[in-house]
Protein backbone atom coordinates (compact mmCIF):
# COMPACT_ATOMS: atom_id res chain seq x y z
CA MET A 1 136.65 104.09 87.56
CA SER A 2 139.82 102.19 87.81
CA ASN A 3 140.72 103.53 91.58
CA ILE A 4 140.17 106.91 93.51
CA GLU A 5 143.66 108.46 92.27
CA ASP A 6 142.60 107.93 88.60
CA SER A 7 139.17 109.56 89.51
CA HIS A 8 140.68 112.41 91.24
CA ALA A 9 143.22 113.19 88.26
CA LEU A 10 140.18 113.25 86.06
CA LEU A 11 138.33 115.51 88.32
CA LEU A 12 141.43 118.14 88.59
CA LYS A 13 141.61 118.43 84.68
CA ALA A 14 137.60 118.54 84.39
CA CYS A 15 137.28 121.54 87.11
CA ALA A 16 140.51 123.14 85.37
CA THR A 17 138.86 122.98 82.10
CA VAL A 18 135.48 124.60 83.77
CA GLY A 19 136.84 127.17 86.02
CA LEU A 20 135.91 125.23 89.43
CA SER A 21 137.74 124.96 92.49
CA ALA A 22 138.62 121.26 93.16
CA THR A 23 140.20 122.23 96.49
CA GLY A 24 139.37 119.95 99.41
CA ALA A 25 137.31 117.67 97.11
CA GLU A 26 135.55 114.73 98.70
CA PRO A 27 134.92 111.25 97.32
CA ILE A 28 131.23 110.46 97.73
CA ARG A 29 131.07 107.19 95.82
CA ILE A 30 133.93 105.66 93.49
CA GLY A 31 132.47 102.97 91.36
CA GLU A 32 131.92 102.47 87.81
CA ASN A 33 131.06 106.22 87.74
CA ALA A 34 132.20 108.28 90.29
CA LEU A 35 130.63 111.28 92.66
CA TRP A 36 132.87 114.06 93.93
CA ARG A 37 131.82 116.94 96.37
CA LEU A 38 133.49 120.06 95.51
CA PRO A 39 133.29 123.65 97.26
CA LEU A 40 130.45 125.88 97.26
CA GLY A 41 127.82 123.07 97.02
CA ILE A 42 129.01 121.48 93.79
CA VAL A 43 128.66 117.92 92.98
CA ALA A 44 130.88 116.43 90.16
CA ARG A 45 129.84 113.06 88.62
CA ILE A 46 132.92 111.24 86.29
CA SER A 47 131.01 108.68 83.86
CA ARG A 48 132.47 105.70 82.39
CA PRO A 49 134.83 106.23 78.96
CA GLY A 50 132.72 106.57 76.04
CA GLN A 51 129.47 107.63 77.80
CA SER A 52 129.09 111.27 76.55
CA ALA A 53 125.84 111.24 74.79
CA ALA A 54 124.26 109.29 77.81
CA ALA A 55 125.86 111.95 80.28
CA GLY A 56 124.49 114.66 77.74
CA ARG A 57 121.32 112.99 77.93
CA GLU A 58 121.11 112.93 81.98
CA LEU A 59 121.66 116.64 81.95
CA ALA A 60 118.55 116.81 79.44
CA VAL A 61 116.34 114.22 81.65
CA ALA A 62 117.09 116.55 84.86
CA ARG A 63 116.15 119.78 83.15
CA TRP A 64 113.11 118.35 81.68
CA LEU A 65 111.97 116.69 84.93
CA ARG A 66 112.40 119.84 86.78
CA ASN A 67 110.48 121.70 83.98
CA CYS A 68 107.85 119.41 84.52
CA GLY A 69 107.11 119.99 88.18
CA VAL A 70 109.06 116.35 89.13
CA PRO A 71 111.72 117.21 91.66
CA ALA A 72 115.06 115.93 90.53
CA VAL A 73 118.44 116.56 91.03
CA ARG A 74 119.93 119.99 89.24
CA PRO A 75 122.77 120.56 87.04
CA LEU A 76 124.82 123.73 86.95
CA GLU A 77 122.95 126.28 84.87
CA HIS A 78 125.99 127.46 82.77
CA LEU A 79 127.41 123.87 82.23
CA ARG A 80 124.82 122.78 79.44
CA GLU A 81 127.27 119.67 78.14
CA PRO A 82 129.07 117.23 79.60
CA VAL A 83 133.21 118.18 79.74
CA ASP A 84 135.03 115.33 78.07
CA VAL A 85 138.27 114.35 79.96
CA ASP A 86 140.42 111.55 78.38
CA ASN A 87 137.18 110.09 76.93
CA ASN A 88 135.42 110.27 80.65
CA PRO A 89 132.51 112.78 80.36
CA VAL A 90 132.02 114.65 83.66
CA THR A 91 128.91 116.55 84.58
CA PHE A 92 128.53 119.10 87.41
CA TRP A 93 125.54 119.07 89.81
CA HIS A 94 123.95 121.12 92.82
CA GLU A 95 124.43 119.37 96.21
CA LEU A 96 121.25 118.21 97.42
CA PRO A 97 120.05 118.99 100.80
CA PRO A 98 121.10 116.71 104.00
CA HIS A 99 118.69 113.61 102.93
CA ARG A 100 118.17 110.08 103.29
CA PRO A 101 117.69 107.17 100.78
CA GLY A 102 113.88 106.60 99.77
CA THR A 103 111.91 103.73 100.47
CA ALA A 104 109.55 102.01 97.98
CA ALA A 105 106.45 104.29 99.41
CA ASP A 106 108.86 107.29 98.64
CA ILE A 107 109.78 106.40 95.09
CA ALA A 108 106.23 105.13 93.93
CA PRO A 109 104.46 108.76 93.54
CA LEU A 110 107.19 110.12 91.56
CA LEU A 111 107.39 107.20 89.28
CA ARG A 112 103.39 107.53 88.66
CA ARG A 113 104.39 111.65 87.77
CA VAL A 114 107.20 110.39 85.38
CA HIS A 115 105.36 107.59 83.47
CA GLU A 116 102.22 110.21 83.14
CA LEU A 117 104.22 112.74 81.45
CA ALA A 118 104.26 113.52 77.49
CA ILE A 119 107.24 112.21 75.77
CA PRO A 120 109.83 115.02 75.48
CA ASP A 121 111.03 116.42 72.08
CA PHE A 122 114.82 115.25 72.52
CA PRO A 123 115.69 111.91 71.67
CA LEU A 124 115.85 109.33 74.60
CA GLY A 125 116.30 106.15 72.91
CA HIS A 126 114.16 102.84 73.97
CA LEU A 127 114.99 100.56 77.00
CA ASP A 128 117.75 97.70 76.22
CA PRO A 129 117.14 95.78 79.45
CA PHE A 130 119.86 93.44 78.07
CA VAL A 131 122.82 96.07 77.78
CA ARG A 132 126.08 94.95 78.75
CA LEU A 133 124.74 91.12 80.18
CA ALA A 134 126.77 89.24 77.23
CA VAL A 135 129.74 91.12 78.17
CA ARG A 136 129.62 90.51 82.18
CA ILE A 137 128.94 86.92 81.02
CA ASP A 138 131.98 85.91 78.95
CA GLY A 139 134.12 88.13 81.58
CA ALA A 140 132.94 86.14 84.74
CA ALA A 141 136.10 84.55 85.43
CA THR A 142 135.06 82.47 88.41
CA LEU A 143 132.37 80.69 85.96
CA ASP A 144 133.21 76.96 84.36
CA ASP A 145 131.96 76.52 80.89
CA THR A 146 128.91 74.86 81.72
CA GLN A 147 127.62 77.78 83.98
CA ARG A 148 128.44 80.14 81.27
CA GLN A 149 126.53 78.28 78.59
CA TRP A 150 123.74 78.32 80.83
CA LEU A 151 123.77 81.94 81.61
CA ARG A 152 124.08 82.43 77.47
CA ASP A 153 121.29 80.21 76.79
CA ARG A 154 118.60 82.05 79.66
CA LEU A 155 119.86 85.30 78.16
CA ALA A 156 118.81 84.24 74.61
CA ASP A 157 115.36 82.84 75.70
CA LEU A 158 114.81 86.35 77.73
CA GLN A 159 115.75 88.05 74.92
CA ALA A 160 113.17 86.19 73.10
CA ALA A 161 110.50 86.56 75.54
CA TRP A 162 111.10 90.42 75.74
CA LEU A 163 109.73 90.71 72.32
CA SER A 164 106.55 88.93 73.17
CA LEU A 165 105.62 90.27 76.01
CA PRO A 166 101.73 90.83 76.59
CA ALA A 167 100.04 93.87 76.62
CA GLY A 168 100.58 96.39 79.89
CA LEU A 169 100.38 99.71 80.53
CA PRO A 170 101.11 102.52 77.76
CA PRO A 171 105.16 102.61 76.99
CA SER A 172 106.25 105.90 78.35
CA VAL A 173 109.28 107.73 79.61
CA ILE A 174 110.89 105.33 82.68
CA HIS A 175 113.36 106.02 85.14
CA GLY A 176 115.06 102.52 84.00
CA ASP A 177 116.87 102.14 87.64
CA ALA A 178 114.01 102.78 89.79
CA TRP A 179 115.15 101.81 93.68
CA GLY A 180 115.83 103.85 96.87
CA GLY A 181 119.32 104.70 96.56
CA ASN A 182 117.96 106.84 93.25
CA VAL A 183 115.47 108.81 95.73
CA ALA A 184 116.72 111.66 97.99
CA VAL A 185 114.16 112.63 100.62
CA THR A 186 114.75 115.89 102.65
CA PRO A 187 112.47 117.32 105.33
CA THR A 188 110.38 118.94 102.74
CA THR A 189 111.15 117.46 99.28
CA THR A 190 111.41 113.92 97.54
CA TYR A 191 113.99 114.00 94.58
CA LEU A 192 114.75 112.07 91.84
CA LEU A 193 118.29 111.26 90.93
CA ASP A 194 120.36 109.30 88.33
CA PHE A 195 119.17 109.08 84.96
CA GLU A 196 121.68 107.02 83.10
CA ARG A 197 119.23 104.98 82.16
CA THR A 198 116.18 107.00 81.64
CA SER A 199 114.52 106.08 78.33
CA LEU A 200 111.26 105.20 76.52
CA GLY A 201 109.97 101.66 77.57
CA PRO A 202 107.05 99.75 79.56
CA PRO A 203 106.56 101.39 83.11
CA GLU A 204 106.33 97.93 84.49
CA TRP A 205 110.18 97.81 84.23
CA ASP A 206 110.51 100.62 86.99
CA LEU A 207 107.66 98.65 88.87
CA THR A 208 109.80 95.38 88.57
CA ALA A 209 112.45 97.04 90.61
CA THR A 210 110.49 97.15 94.15
CA ALA A 211 108.69 93.83 93.09
CA VAL A 212 112.28 91.69 93.01
CA GLY A 213 113.26 93.28 96.44
CA PHE A 214 109.82 92.21 97.81
CA GLY A 215 109.35 88.83 96.10
CA THR A 216 113.37 87.86 95.24
CA PHE A 217 115.61 89.31 97.64
CA GLY A 218 113.24 89.43 100.42
CA THR A 219 114.50 93.11 101.75
CA VAL A 220 111.05 94.77 100.86
CA SER A 221 108.34 93.68 103.52
CA ASP A 222 104.88 92.88 102.97
CA SER A 223 103.86 96.28 104.31
CA GLU A 224 106.39 98.29 102.44
CA TYR A 225 105.22 96.33 99.19
CA THR A 226 101.47 97.19 99.68
CA ALA A 227 102.29 100.85 100.68
CA PHE A 228 104.23 100.92 97.26
CA CYS A 229 101.39 99.52 94.99
CA GLU A 230 98.91 101.92 96.98
CA ALA A 231 101.19 105.00 96.20
CA TYR A 232 101.66 104.09 92.95
CA GLY A 233 98.10 102.77 91.97
CA ALA A 234 99.01 99.30 89.98
CA ASP A 235 100.71 95.82 91.51
CA VAL A 236 102.90 94.77 88.85
CA MET A 237 103.30 91.33 90.18
CA THR A 238 99.78 91.13 88.86
CA TRP A 239 100.55 91.51 85.23
CA THR A 240 100.92 88.68 83.25
CA GLY A 241 104.18 89.87 81.57
CA TYR A 242 105.66 90.25 85.07
CA PRO A 243 107.69 86.94 85.52
CA VAL A 244 109.86 88.03 82.30
CA LEU A 245 110.81 91.34 83.86
CA ARG A 246 111.41 89.64 87.00
CA SER A 247 113.59 87.32 85.44
CA ILE A 248 115.50 89.75 83.28
CA ARG A 249 115.79 91.47 86.31
CA GLU A 250 117.24 88.54 88.57
CA LEU A 251 119.75 87.85 85.52
CA ARG A 252 120.66 91.55 85.34
CA VAL A 253 121.73 91.54 89.31
CA THR A 254 123.16 87.88 88.98
CA CYS A 255 125.69 89.14 86.26
CA PHE A 256 126.37 92.37 88.61
CA ALA A 257 127.38 90.10 91.27
CA LEU A 258 129.33 87.79 88.93
CA GLN A 259 131.21 91.11 87.49
CA HIS A 260 132.33 91.75 90.99
CA ALA A 261 133.06 88.48 91.72
CA ALA A 262 135.73 88.14 88.83
CA ALA A 263 137.31 91.33 90.55
CA ASP A 264 137.32 90.09 94.22
CA PRO A 265 136.46 86.74 94.51
CA ALA A 266 137.07 86.26 97.80
CA ARG A 267 134.50 89.19 98.77
CA HIS A 268 131.89 87.99 95.99
CA ARG A 269 132.38 84.73 94.70
CA ALA A 270 129.97 82.83 97.28
CA GLU A 271 126.97 85.48 96.60
CA ALA A 272 127.11 85.65 93.32
CA HIS A 273 127.39 81.72 92.69
CA TYR A 274 124.18 81.57 95.07
CA ARG A 275 122.34 83.92 93.08
CA LEU A 276 123.35 81.74 89.78
CA SER A 277 122.51 78.59 91.52
CA CYS A 278 118.92 80.14 92.73
CA LEU A 279 118.45 80.88 89.02
CA GLN A 280 118.82 77.10 88.11
CA GLY A 281 116.50 75.98 90.70
CA GLN A 282 118.46 74.55 93.32
CA ASN A 283 117.45 76.55 96.13
CA GLY A 284 113.49 76.52 96.50
CA PRO A 285 110.95 79.13 95.93
CA ARG A 286 111.48 82.71 96.06
CA PRO A 287 112.41 84.87 98.00
CA TRP A 288 115.91 83.58 98.15
CA GLY A 289 117.23 86.14 100.72
CA TRP A 290 119.79 87.92 98.10
CA THR A 291 122.47 90.04 99.87
CA ALA A 292 123.41 93.31 98.17
CA VAL A 293 126.61 93.33 96.08
CA SER A 294 128.52 97.10 96.40
């Protein structure tokens, strides 16, 4: 989403198409995807161009999870498919009650429930942990040629390692982006949300997000990580395949930071290049104390 004005223009078109009021619409978050709060407790989500299939899958996943008894954010019942506005898919959701973001211990029981579900009868696709990484490396304007080639080589090494992962938990439905910001905790219920990356894959991928918060970022405490493992019933860090998944996660969040650095070097270059130097072995052992980029 290029800016708030462009996003608002798309919102007005989408609401007019489906007969919803956009009067007084308030931006919740404007990023690669945009969220707007509408009257009558409705939230509009504007996805990136060309993502209609993914947006339709999000709607299907949300409805399926609720039918399976997993608390999840709820789409509007009468709008079964995304609305296409200038190639941007727009979906409409019921706003959640007042809530706080989830903790590691909040998300673990929901992940276990999702991982235990039978595979649904609609196509989910298989997890691609490398989606958009090559594009982000190529577009990272703050890199020199040596740094860029190092990242390309690292990506190739991890793509090969991904294909040779040791046996682990049985493949299942996975959330795909399992961090606290994708959990909403109300006084009575904990909800899952944001199913853009929900797919079939190794359950360990979902667990690795919290493990990397603990072991790499240093933002999850010892006690929080212990509570997470106890609530889920396993510690992914003891699996022999964990270093590969950890390295993929670390590469993903480094490339994400480099993308932001290209757009706003003054704000993000230092953090992005610090992450890169950590991956290259220049800053000692983990945790590296990485700072969130947004």
